[in-house]
Amino acid sequence: MKKEKVVSLRNWHLSISLDREIAVSLHLQLVQAVINGVQKGRLLPGTPLPGTRKISDDLGINRKAVVQAFEELLAQGWIETQPRRGSFISKKLPLFERSEVTLQDQAPFPLSLTESGLEEYALSVTSVTPSKLRFSDGVPDTRLVPFDVLSRAFRRALLISSRANRLAYDDAKGSESLRTAIAEMLRLERGMSVTTEQVCLVRGSQMGIYLSAKLLSKHAGCVVMEKLSYPPAREAFESFGLDISYVEQDDDGMSLDALTKICERREVSMVYTTPHHQFPTTSMLSLERRIRLLALSEKYNFIIIEDDYDHEFHFSHKPMLPLASMETAGRVIHIGSLSKILAPGLRLGYMVAPEGFIQRCGQEILLIDRQGNAVTELAVAELMRNGEMKRHIRRALKIYQQRRDHAVERVRKILPMAQFTIPAGGLALWLRFDKTLDMSKLQKDAKVLGVSVLLGDLFLEKVRKLMD
C-alpha cells in the first residue's frame, strides 16, 4: 500500500506585532491580534496556527504567555485544537465581512472600461553589451534554485494538467491554485487582508506596472515618483502620455513634504513607490512616512502603486510589512514578483487590488496574452503549498546575506572613497562618490576594461533636463 506523503500545514511565518511599551499584557495583545486577523479576513476559518513554542521564539516572549493566550482564544471559540495536529482558527466561525478600510470595490479606481485606439510606443530600452564583469541593479543567482525539486513539480503539473484536461484556456487572471497560494502567503506573512479574487498573475512586476498605468491613464492628474527611481516604470507611464512629477528622497525614502507641495498645486492621480527597498538607493520608507503617505492618498484622492519587487530578500528578523497591509481604504495597488525568488526566466509576478480593478486587469490580459503559463503556475503553486518555496527562501537568504557582508568588506577595502549605507536587504549596494568625480568618464573607462556599471547620476541628469 502506497504511503501518503505528509505535507506541512504551516509553510508561512505568521506576522504578529506586540507593543511592550503599553500597559496591556502580552498575552492579551496576542489574543487581540488573532481576533483582529480573523475579523479582517486575514486568518480564515481552518487556518493552521504555529505551535506555542514557535510563536514564543518568533515574538521573543515567554511560552507561558502564548499558552495562556491560546487557552483564552479556545475558551472564547476563536480557535480549536485537533489531537496530534495542533491549533486552528475555528471552522465554526463565519467569514467576516471585510471592513471599509481593507481592499474593496468602493475604492477611487476608474472601474468603467475605456475605449482607446491602437497606439505605438517606443520604449528607450538600454541594450546590454557583453562584458567581463557587470554591475547591475541586483539579479538573483539562478544557480541557487532547487532545480531537482522544481523539475519534479513541473512533471507533476504536466501530468495532472493533461489527465484533467486543464491545458486549455483558463482564467486570464491566472490559475486559481497559485492565486490562492499567493493570497494565503500574503495574509499570513505580510498581514494583508486579501482574497483569491483580489489577485491577478502577471509576467513579472513590469507587466503589473504597465497594466496599472494603462487602466489609470484616463484618470485626471499626474504621476509622482522619486527623482531616482525604476526607469522601466517611468517609461510605462510615459508610454500612455502621463505627466510625471518628481520628488526628492533621502535615507528615509520619498520626501512627503515635497509630495504635499505637488498635491497642493496640481491634481495627482498616482504615486509610484518601492517602499521596501527603494530602487535604486536601497533605503526603506519609514513607518512614519508610510502612515503620512496613506493619509495624503486619502486627502488628495490618489492611488499608490506599491512595487514590492524583492520583499523576500530582507536580512533582519522581521521586515516591515507592505503598505497594502495597513488601513488603505482600497487605495493601494500592490505588485510583487516570484521571478526574483526562483528565476527571472520563469516570468511570474502578481497584482493585488480591489476585485473590480483585478477584473479589469483580466480583461486587458485577454487582449494581449490570453493567459499565462498554466504548467509553471501549477508547479509553483505546489512549491508554495508543500513548503519547498519557503525552504528555498530561507536557504537563499543565508547565502545572499553572506555575499552582502563580503561585498561590504571588499568595497570598503578597494573603494575607500565610496560612501554607502549597509542595506537591510535586497541584492545591491548603493555607492555614493564625490560630486567632483566625472561619472560619465568613469563609465566609459570601465567599459574599455570590460566592466559594465549602472549609474544613478546619469539618470538624474536626464530627469533634470526633463524638468527644465
Protein backbone atom coordinates (compact mmCIF):
# COMPACT_ATOMS: atom_id res chain seq x y z
CA MET A 1 0.00 0.00 0.00
CA LYS A 2 1.39 3.38 -1.02
CA LYS A 3 2.14 5.63 1.93
CA GLU A 4 0.68 9.11 1.65
CA LYS A 5 3.17 11.94 1.95
CA VAL A 6 2.53 14.27 4.88
CA VAL A 7 2.60 17.90 3.77
CA SER A 8 3.33 20.69 6.23
CA LEU A 9 0.33 22.87 7.01
CA ARG A 10 2.40 25.78 8.28
CA ASN A 11 4.54 26.95 5.38
CA TRP A 12 4.47 30.67 6.15
CA HIS A 13 5.52 32.71 9.14
CA LEU A 14 2.58 34.38 10.94
CA SER A 15 3.36 38.09 11.31
CA ILE A 16 2.21 39.48 14.69
CA SER A 17 3.38 42.70 16.34
CA LEU A 18 3.33 43.27 20.11
CA ASP A 19 3.93 46.57 21.91
CA ARG A 20 5.95 46.24 25.10
CA GLU A 21 5.55 49.94 25.90
CA ILE A 22 1.83 49.81 26.68
CA ALA A 23 0.16 48.56 29.85
CA VAL A 24 -1.80 45.74 28.18
CA SER A 25 -0.27 42.33 28.94
CA LEU A 26 1.47 40.46 26.12
CA HIS A 27 -0.90 37.50 26.24
CA LEU A 28 -3.93 39.78 25.83
CA GLN A 29 -2.21 41.59 22.94
CA LEU A 30 -1.67 38.21 21.29
CA VAL A 31 -5.33 37.29 21.83
CA GLN A 32 -6.45 40.56 20.26
CA ALA A 33 -4.01 40.20 17.34
CA VAL A 34 -5.50 36.81 16.41
CA ILE A 35 -9.07 38.11 16.78
CA ASN A 36 -8.25 41.14 14.61
CA GLY A 37 -6.73 38.83 11.99
CA VAL A 38 -9.95 36.79 11.87
CA GLN A 39 -12.22 39.84 11.72
CA LYS A 40 -10.20 41.45 8.93
CA GLY A 41 -10.25 38.29 6.81
CA ARG A 42 -6.53 37.68 7.22
CA LEU A 43 -6.97 34.44 9.22
CA LEU A 44 -9.70 32.36 7.61
CA PRO A 45 -11.63 29.52 9.32
CA GLY A 46 -9.46 26.40 9.31
CA THR A 47 -6.15 28.31 9.05
CA PRO A 48 -3.46 26.38 10.97
CA LEU A 49 -1.63 28.32 13.67
CA PRO A 50 2.05 27.89 14.56
CA GLY A 51 2.81 25.97 17.74
CA THR A 52 3.14 27.83 21.03
CA ARG A 53 6.89 27.23 21.11
CA LYS A 54 7.31 28.64 17.58
CA ILE A 55 5.28 31.76 18.40
CA SER A 56 7.23 32.18 21.63
CA ASP A 57 10.54 32.04 19.77
CA ASP A 58 9.37 34.34 16.94
CA LEU A 59 7.99 37.02 19.27
CA GLY A 60 10.66 36.67 21.94
CA ILE A 61 8.14 36.19 24.75
CA ASN A 62 7.62 33.59 27.46
CA ARG A 63 5.90 30.46 26.20
CA LYS A 64 3.52 30.60 29.19
CA ALA A 65 2.08 33.85 27.79
CA VAL A 66 1.42 32.16 24.44
CA VAL A 67 -0.20 29.14 26.10
CA GLN A 68 -2.34 31.48 28.17
CA ALA A 69 -3.41 33.35 25.02
CA PHE A 70 -4.31 30.10 23.23
CA GLU A 71 -6.36 28.96 26.23
CA GLU A 72 -8.26 32.26 26.17
CA LEU A 73 -8.89 32.01 22.41
CA LEU A 74 -10.02 28.41 22.80
CA ALA A 75 -12.41 29.32 25.63
CA GLN A 76 -13.90 32.13 23.52
CA GLY A 77 -14.34 29.86 20.49
CA TRP A 78 -11.91 31.64 18.17
CA ILE A 79 -9.65 28.61 17.78
CA GLU A 80 -9.99 24.86 18.01
CA THR A 81 -7.46 22.14 18.68
CA GLN A 82 -7.06 18.79 16.95
CA PRO A 83 -5.14 15.97 18.66
CA ARG A 84 -1.64 15.48 17.22
CA ARG A 85 -2.27 18.19 14.61
CA GLY A 86 -2.25 21.47 16.53
CA SER A 87 -4.41 24.56 16.76
CA PHE A 88 -6.56 26.07 14.00
CA ILE A 89 -8.85 29.05 13.53
CA SER A 90 -12.28 27.62 14.34
CA LYS A 91 -14.18 26.36 11.29
CA LYS A 92 -17.42 27.26 13.08
CA LEU A 93 -16.68 30.96 12.69
CA PRO A 94 -18.43 32.83 9.85
CA LEU A 95 -16.49 34.56 7.11
CA PHE A 96 -16.33 38.12 8.39
CA GLU A 97 -17.19 40.98 6.05
CA ARG A 98 -14.04 42.98 5.48
CA SER A 99 -14.10 46.46 6.94
CA GLU A 100 -14.26 49.58 4.78
CA VAL A 101 -10.56 50.21 5.23
CA THR A 102 -9.45 46.99 3.53
CA LEU A 103 -9.10 46.36 -0.19
CA GLN A 104 -12.59 46.77 -1.59
CA ASP A 105 -14.57 47.69 -4.68
CA GLN A 106 -15.65 51.08 -3.32
CA ALA A 107 -12.18 52.45 -3.97
CA PRO A 108 -11.39 55.52 -6.10
CA PHE A 109 -10.39 53.41 -9.12
CA PRO A 110 -11.86 54.25 -12.54
CA LEU A 111 -13.71 50.94 -12.94
CA SER A 112 -15.58 51.67 -16.20
CA LEU A 113 -13.99 50.32 -19.37
CA THR A 114 -12.30 52.90 -21.53
CA GLU A 115 -12.03 52.93 -25.29
CA SER A 116 -8.72 53.61 -26.97
CA GLY A 117 -7.30 53.21 -30.42
CA LEU A 118 -4.13 51.35 -31.34
CA GLU A 119 -1.07 53.38 -30.41
CA GLU A 120 2.62 52.76 -30.94
CA TYR A 121 5.06 53.26 -28.12
CA ALA A 122 8.84 53.27 -28.31
CA LEU A 123 10.47 52.35 -25.02
CA SER A 124 14.01 53.55 -24.54
CA VAL A 125 15.33 50.16 -23.51
CA THR A 126 19.03 50.21 -22.76
CA SER A 127 20.90 47.48 -24.60
CA VAL A 128 23.20 45.21 -22.66
CA THR A 129 26.65 44.82 -24.13
CA PRO A 130 28.75 41.77 -23.27
CA SER A 131 31.27 42.46 -20.50
CA LYS A 132 33.66 40.57 -18.28
CA LEU A 133 32.00 41.96 -15.17
CA ARG A 134 28.57 43.56 -14.96
CA PHE A 135 27.36 45.64 -12.02
CA SER A 136 23.58 45.93 -12.37
CA ASP A 137 20.61 46.63 -10.14
CA GLY A 138 20.74 43.25 -8.42
CA VAL A 139 19.96 40.00 -10.24
CA PRO A 140 19.22 36.76 -8.37
CA ASP A 141 21.62 33.84 -8.72
CA THR A 142 19.67 31.17 -10.59
CA ARG A 143 22.24 28.56 -9.52
CA LEU A 144 20.59 28.61 -6.08
CA VAL A 145 17.25 27.40 -7.43
CA PRO A 146 16.48 23.80 -6.33
CA PHE A 147 16.04 22.59 -9.89
CA ASP A 148 15.53 18.96 -8.87
CA VAL A 149 12.56 19.96 -6.73
CA LEU A 150 11.31 22.37 -9.39
CA SER A 151 11.59 19.79 -12.18
CA ARG A 152 9.57 17.26 -10.16
CA ALA A 153 6.90 19.89 -9.56
CA PHE A 154 6.82 20.67 -13.31
CA ARG A 155 6.49 16.99 -14.16
CA ARG A 156 3.59 16.53 -11.75
CA ALA A 157 1.94 19.71 -13.05
CA LEU A 158 2.17 18.41 -16.63
CA LEU A 159 0.75 15.01 -15.72
CA ILE A 160 -2.08 16.40 -13.61
CA SER A 161 -2.94 19.04 -16.21
CA SER A 162 -3.00 16.64 -19.13
CA ARG A 163 -5.02 13.97 -17.30
CA ALA A 164 -7.55 16.51 -16.08
CA ASN A 165 -7.64 18.29 -19.47
CA ARG A 166 -6.52 21.53 -17.85
CA LEU A 167 -4.09 22.70 -20.52
CA ALA A 168 -6.80 24.51 -22.45
CA TYR A 169 -7.56 28.21 -21.97
CA ASP A 170 -8.35 29.12 -18.38
CA ASP A 171 -8.89 32.25 -16.30
CA ALA A 172 -6.94 35.18 -17.74
CA LYS A 173 -6.10 36.29 -14.19
CA GLY A 174 -4.08 33.10 -13.71
CA SER A 175 -4.58 29.66 -12.22
CA GLU A 176 -6.78 29.64 -9.14
CA SER A 177 -4.40 27.33 -7.26
CA LEU A 178 -1.47 29.77 -7.47
CA ARG A 179 -3.62 32.84 -6.79
CA THR A 180 -4.98 31.07 -3.70
CA ALA A 181 -1.48 30.13 -2.54
CA ILE A 182 -0.27 33.72 -3.00
CA ALA A 183 -3.29 35.10 -1.14
CA GLU A 184 -2.58 32.75 1.78
CA MET A 185 1.08 33.80 1.85
CA LEU A 186 0.16 37.49 1.80
CA ARG A 187 -2.38 37.06 4.61
CA LEU A 188 -0.04 35.16 6.91
CA GLU A 189 3.39 36.59 6.14
CA ARG A 190 2.56 40.16 5.16
CA GLY A 191 -0.57 40.96 7.12
CA MET A 192 -2.72 41.72 4.06
CA SER A 193 -6.48 41.08 4.11
CA VAL A 194 -6.73 39.63 0.62
CA THR A 195 -8.81 37.00 -1.16
CA THR A 196 -8.07 34.90 -4.24
CA GLU A 197 -10.29 37.16 -6.35
CA GLN A 198 -8.11 40.16 -5.50
CA VAL A 199 -5.00 38.53 -7.04
CA CYS A 200 -4.02 38.64 -10.71
CA LEU A 201 -0.98 36.82 -12.06
CA VAL A 202 1.29 38.70 -14.46
CA ARG A 203 4.52 38.02 -16.33
CA GLY A 204 6.71 39.87 -13.83
CA SER A 205 6.31 43.14 -11.95
CA GLN A 206 6.83 45.25 -15.11
CA MET A 207 3.64 43.87 -16.62
CA GLY A 208 1.81 44.78 -13.40
CA ILE A 209 3.13 48.34 -13.60
CA TYR A 210 2.16 48.58 -17.27
CA LEU A 211 -1.39 47.33 -16.65
CA SER A 212 -1.80 49.77 -13.76
CA ALA A 213 -0.57 52.64 -15.91
CA LYS A 214 -2.94 51.74 -18.74
CA LEU A 215 -6.05 51.29 -16.60
CA LEU A 216 -5.42 54.50 -14.67
CA SER A 217 -4.19 56.56 -17.63
CA LYS A 218 -7.60 58.16 -18.21
CA HIS A 219 -7.73 59.30 -14.58
CA ALA A 220 -7.07 63.05 -14.38
CA GLY A 221 -3.83 64.11 -12.77
CA CYS A 222 -0.10 63.47 -12.88
CA VAL A 223 2.05 60.59 -11.68
CA VAL A 224 4.54 61.23 -8.86
CA MET A 225 7.70 59.23 -8.36
CA GLU A 226 11.14 59.80 -6.85
CA LYS A 227 13.81 61.50 -8.97
CA LEU A 228 15.89 58.37 -8.67
CA SER A 229 13.50 55.53 -9.42
CA TYR A 230 12.89 52.49 -11.61
CA PRO A 231 13.36 53.61 -15.28
CA PRO A 232 11.05 50.95 -16.84
CA ALA A 233 8.24 52.16 -14.56
CA ARG A 234 8.80 55.74 -15.74
CA GLU A 235 8.75 54.55 -19.35
CA ALA A 236 5.49 52.65 -18.77
CA PHE A 237 3.82 55.84 -17.51
CA GLU A 238 5.29 57.90 -20.34
CA SER A 239 4.05 55.39 -22.94
CA PHE A 240 0.47 56.42 -22.10
CA GLY A 241 1.28 60.12 -22.22
CA LEU A 242 1.08 60.53 -18.45
CA ASP A 243 2.67 63.64 -16.95
CA ILE A 244 5.30 62.77 -14.33
CA SER A 245 6.35 64.93 -11.38
CA TYR A 246 9.49 64.04 -9.46
CA VAL A 247 10.16 64.42 -5.73
CA GLU A 248 13.32 64.36 -3.66
CA GLN A 249 14.30 61.42 -1.46
CA ASP A 250 16.63 60.78 1.47
CA ASP A 251 17.65 57.91 3.74
CA ASP A 252 14.03 57.51 4.90
CA GLY A 253 12.67 57.32 1.36
CA MET A 254 10.35 59.63 -0.54
CA SER A 255 10.05 63.22 0.71
CA LEU A 256 6.41 63.62 1.68
CA ASP A 257 6.85 67.35 2.22
CA ALA A 258 7.73 67.62 -1.48
CA LEU A 259 4.78 65.36 -2.38
CA THR A 260 2.43 67.55 -0.33
CA LYS A 261 3.56 70.66 -2.21
CA ILE A 262 2.84 68.96 -5.54
CA CYS A 263 -0.63 67.89 -4.33
CA GLU A 264 -1.38 71.44 -3.24
CA ARG A 265 -0.68 72.98 -6.63
CA ARG A 266 -1.89 70.27 -9.03
CA GLU A 267 -4.00 67.13 -9.22
CA VAL A 268 -2.19 63.84 -8.57
CA SER A 269 -3.67 60.55 -9.80
CA MET A 270 -0.92 58.08 -8.88
CA VAL A 271 2.17 57.81 -6.71
CA TYR A 272 4.64 55.09 -7.66
CA THR A 273 6.97 53.88 -4.92
CA THR A 274 9.27 50.99 -3.97
CA PRO A 275 8.98 51.35 -0.17
CA HIS A 276 10.59 48.11 0.96
CA HIS A 277 13.93 48.61 -0.78
CA GLN A 278 13.81 51.88 -2.70
CA PHE A 279 15.10 51.43 -6.21
CA PRO A 280 17.96 52.07 -6.67
CA THR A 281 19.14 53.60 -3.35
CA THR A 282 18.07 50.54 -1.22
CA SER A 283 16.62 52.80 1.53
CA MET A 284 13.39 51.81 3.28
CA LEU A 285 10.37 54.09 3.61
CA SER A 286 9.99 54.72 7.34
CA LEU A 287 6.83 53.81 9.23
CA GLU A 288 6.05 57.48 9.91
CA ARG A 289 6.22 58.27 6.19
CA ARG A 290 4.12 55.24 5.30
CA ILE A 291 1.35 56.49 7.57
CA ARG A 292 1.65 60.01 6.13
CA LEU A 293 1.62 58.70 2.55
CA LEU A 294 -1.63 56.82 3.14
CA ALA A 295 -3.14 59.90 4.80
CA LEU A 296 -2.15 62.05 1.81
CA SER A 297 -3.64 59.45 -0.54
CA GLU A 298 -6.99 59.77 1.22
CA LYS A 299 -6.81 63.56 1.47
CA TYR A 300 -5.88 64.21 -2.16
CA ASN A 301 -7.59 61.13 -3.65
CA PHE A 302 -4.69 59.46 -5.45
CA ILE A 303 -3.74 55.79 -5.94
CA ILE A 304 -0.49 54.32 -4.61
CA ILE A 305 1.30 51.78 -6.81
CA GLU A 306 3.45 49.79 -4.39
CA ASP A 307 6.18 47.90 -6.24
CA ASP A 308 7.31 45.28 -3.70
CA TYR A 309 9.72 43.62 -6.12
CA ASP A 310 12.03 41.88 -3.60
CA HIS A 311 10.20 41.64 -0.28
CA GLU A 312 11.68 38.19 0.43
CA PHE A 313 15.27 39.49 0.33
CA HIS A 314 15.38 41.05 3.78
CA PHE A 315 18.05 40.07 6.29
CA SER A 316 16.58 41.44 9.52
CA HIS A 317 14.49 39.15 11.71
CA LYS A 318 11.22 40.88 10.88
CA PRO A 319 10.94 43.09 7.77
CA MET A 320 8.43 45.93 7.67
CA LEU A 321 5.04 44.91 6.31
CA PRO A 322 3.83 46.34 2.97
CA LEU A 323 1.77 49.50 2.64
CA ALA A 324 -1.09 47.27 1.50
CA SER A 325 -1.18 45.60 4.94
CA MET A 326 -2.19 48.89 6.57
CA GLU A 327 -5.61 50.53 6.56
CA THR A 328 -5.52 51.67 2.94
CA ALA A 329 -9.23 52.16 2.11
CA GLY A 330 -8.51 50.30 -1.14
CA ARG A 331 -6.08 52.94 -2.40
CA VAL A 332 -3.05 50.68 -2.92
CA ILE A 333 -2.19 48.51 -5.92
CA HIS A 334 0.34 46.02 -4.57
CA ILE A 335 2.71 44.48 -7.14
CA GLY A 336 5.01 41.60 -6.25
CA SER A 337 7.30 39.18 -8.05
CA LEU A 338 8.13 35.49 -7.78
CA SER A 339 10.75 35.77 -10.52
CA LYS A 340 13.48 37.00 -8.18
CA ILE A 341 12.78 34.19 -5.69
CA LEU A 342 13.16 31.47 -8.32
CA ALA A 343 14.49 32.66 -11.70
CA PRO A 344 13.70 35.73 -13.83
CA GLY A 345 13.19 33.44 -16.80
CA LEU A 346 10.07 31.92 -15.21
CA ARG A 347 8.28 35.31 -15.56
CA LEU A 348 5.90 35.22 -12.62
CA GLY A 349 4.51 38.18 -10.72
CA TYR A 350 1.22 39.22 -9.18
CA MET A 351 -1.01 42.21 -8.56
CA VAL A 352 -3.31 42.76 -5.57
CA ALA A 353 -6.11 45.32 -5.76
CA PRO A 354 -9.89 45.65 -5.35
CA GLU A 355 -11.83 42.90 -7.15
CA GLY A 356 -13.28 45.29 -9.73
CA PHE A 357 -9.82 46.51 -10.73
CA ILE A 358 -8.49 42.94 -10.89
CA GLN A 359 -11.38 42.02 -13.20
CA ARG A 360 -10.31 44.91 -15.44
CA CYS A 361 -6.76 43.56 -15.44
CA GLY A 362 -8.07 40.17 -16.58
CA GLN A 363 -9.94 41.81 -19.46
CA GLU A 364 -6.79 43.64 -20.57
CA ILE A 365 -4.73 40.43 -20.39
CA LEU A 366 -7.26 38.73 -22.68
CA LEU A 367 -6.33 41.26 -25.37
CA ILE A 368 -2.58 40.73 -25.24
CA ASP A 369 -1.77 37.41 -23.58
CA ARG A 370 -4.99 35.37 -23.11
CA GLN A 371 -3.40 33.67 -20.08
CA GLY A 372 -0.02 32.83 -18.60
CA ASN A 373 1.83 29.54 -18.43
CA ALA A 374 -0.56 27.14 -16.69
CA VAL A 375 2.08 24.46 -16.08
CA THR A 376 4.52 26.90 -14.47
CA GLU A 377 1.76 28.33 -12.30
CA LEU A 378 0.63 24.89 -11.11
CA ALA A 379 4.22 23.85 -10.38
CA VAL A 380 4.96 26.98 -8.35
CA ALA A 381 1.64 26.61 -6.51
CA GLU A 382 2.75 23.16 -5.41
CA LEU A 383 6.10 24.53 -4.18
CA MET A 384 4.22 27.10 -2.10
CA ARG A 385 1.76 24.56 -0.67
CA ASN A 386 4.30 21.90 0.31
CA GLY A 387 6.76 24.35 1.90
CA GLU A 388 9.57 23.94 -0.66
CA MET A 389 9.32 27.63 -1.62
CA LYS A 390 9.74 28.72 1.99
CA ARG A 391 12.69 26.38 2.49
CA HIS A 392 14.35 27.72 -0.67
CA ILE A 393 13.88 31.31 0.53
CA ARG A 394 15.49 30.51 3.88
CA ARG A 395 18.48 28.83 2.21
CA ALA A 396 18.93 31.60 -0.35
CA LEU A 397 18.67 34.35 2.27
CA LYS A 398 21.61 32.96 4.24
CA ILE A 399 23.76 32.90 1.12
CA TYR A 400 22.74 36.39 -0.03
CA GLN A 401 23.43 37.83 3.41
CA GLN A 402 26.91 36.28 3.40
CA ARG A 403 27.51 37.76 -0.07
CA ARG A 404 26.29 41.18 1.04
CA ASP A 405 28.67 41.11 4.02
CA HIS A 406 31.55 40.03 1.77
CA ALA A 407 30.73 42.77 -0.75
CA VAL A 408 30.67 45.37 2.03
CA GLU A 409 34.09 44.25 3.25
CA ARG A 410 35.63 44.31 -0.26
CA VAL A 411 34.12 47.70 -1.22
CA ARG A 412 35.41 49.27 1.99
CA LYS A 413 38.88 47.95 1.24
CA ILE A 414 39.06 48.59 -2.52
CA LEU A 415 36.92 51.75 -2.79
CA PRO A 416 37.53 53.71 0.42
CA MET A 417 36.33 56.89 -1.32
CA ALA A 418 32.83 55.45 -1.78
CA GLN A 419 30.16 56.13 0.82
CA PHE A 420 27.25 53.77 1.37
CA THR A 421 24.76 52.54 3.93
CA ILE A 422 24.67 48.80 4.54
CA PRO A 423 21.22 47.77 3.25
CA ALA A 424 18.93 45.70 5.45
CA GLY A 425 18.07 43.59 2.42
CA GLY A 426 18.00 43.41 -1.34
CA LEU A 427 20.64 42.35 -3.84
CA ALA A 428 22.57 45.59 -4.30
CA LEU A 429 24.76 48.24 -2.67
CA TRP A 430 24.20 51.93 -3.46
CA LEU A 431 27.56 53.71 -3.64
CA ARG A 432 27.95 57.49 -3.41
CA PHE A 433 31.08 59.15 -4.78
CA ASP A 434 32.38 62.69 -4.53
CA LYS A 435 30.39 65.04 -6.78
CA THR A 436 33.59 66.23 -8.44
CA LEU A 437 34.13 62.80 -9.95
CA ASP A 438 33.17 62.59 -13.64
CA MET A 439 30.82 59.60 -13.54
CA SER A 440 30.33 59.59 -17.31
CA LYS A 441 34.07 59.22 -17.83
CA LEU A 442 34.21 56.51 -15.14
CA GLN A 443 31.55 54.55 -17.00
CA LYS A 444 33.40 54.85 -20.33
CA ASP A 445 36.76 53.88 -18.81
CA ALA A 446 35.15 50.89 -17.09
CA LYS A 447 33.61 49.76 -20.36
CA VAL A 448 37.06 49.73 -22.01
CA LEU A 449 38.19 47.35 -19.26
CA GLY A 450 35.16 45.11 -19.82
CA VAL A 451 33.27 46.31 -16.74
CA SER A 452 29.64 47.46 -17.02
CA VAL A 453 28.25 49.74 -14.29
CA LEU A 454 24.81 51.21 -13.62
CA LEU A 455 24.97 54.92 -12.73
CA GLY A 456 22.20 56.82 -10.99
CA ASP A 457 23.79 60.21 -11.58
CA LEU A 458 23.31 59.96 -15.36
CA PHE A 459 19.64 59.10 -14.91
CA LEU A 460 19.22 62.00 -12.50
CA GLU A 461 20.80 64.31 -15.08
CA LYS A 462 18.22 63.14 -17.63
CA VAL A 463 15.40 63.82 -15.15
CA ARG A 464 16.70 67.37 -14.54
CA LYS A 465 16.66 68.04 -18.30
CA LEU A 466 13.07 66.79 -18.49
CA MET A 467 12.09 69.14 -15.66
CA ASP A 468 13.83 72.20 -17.22
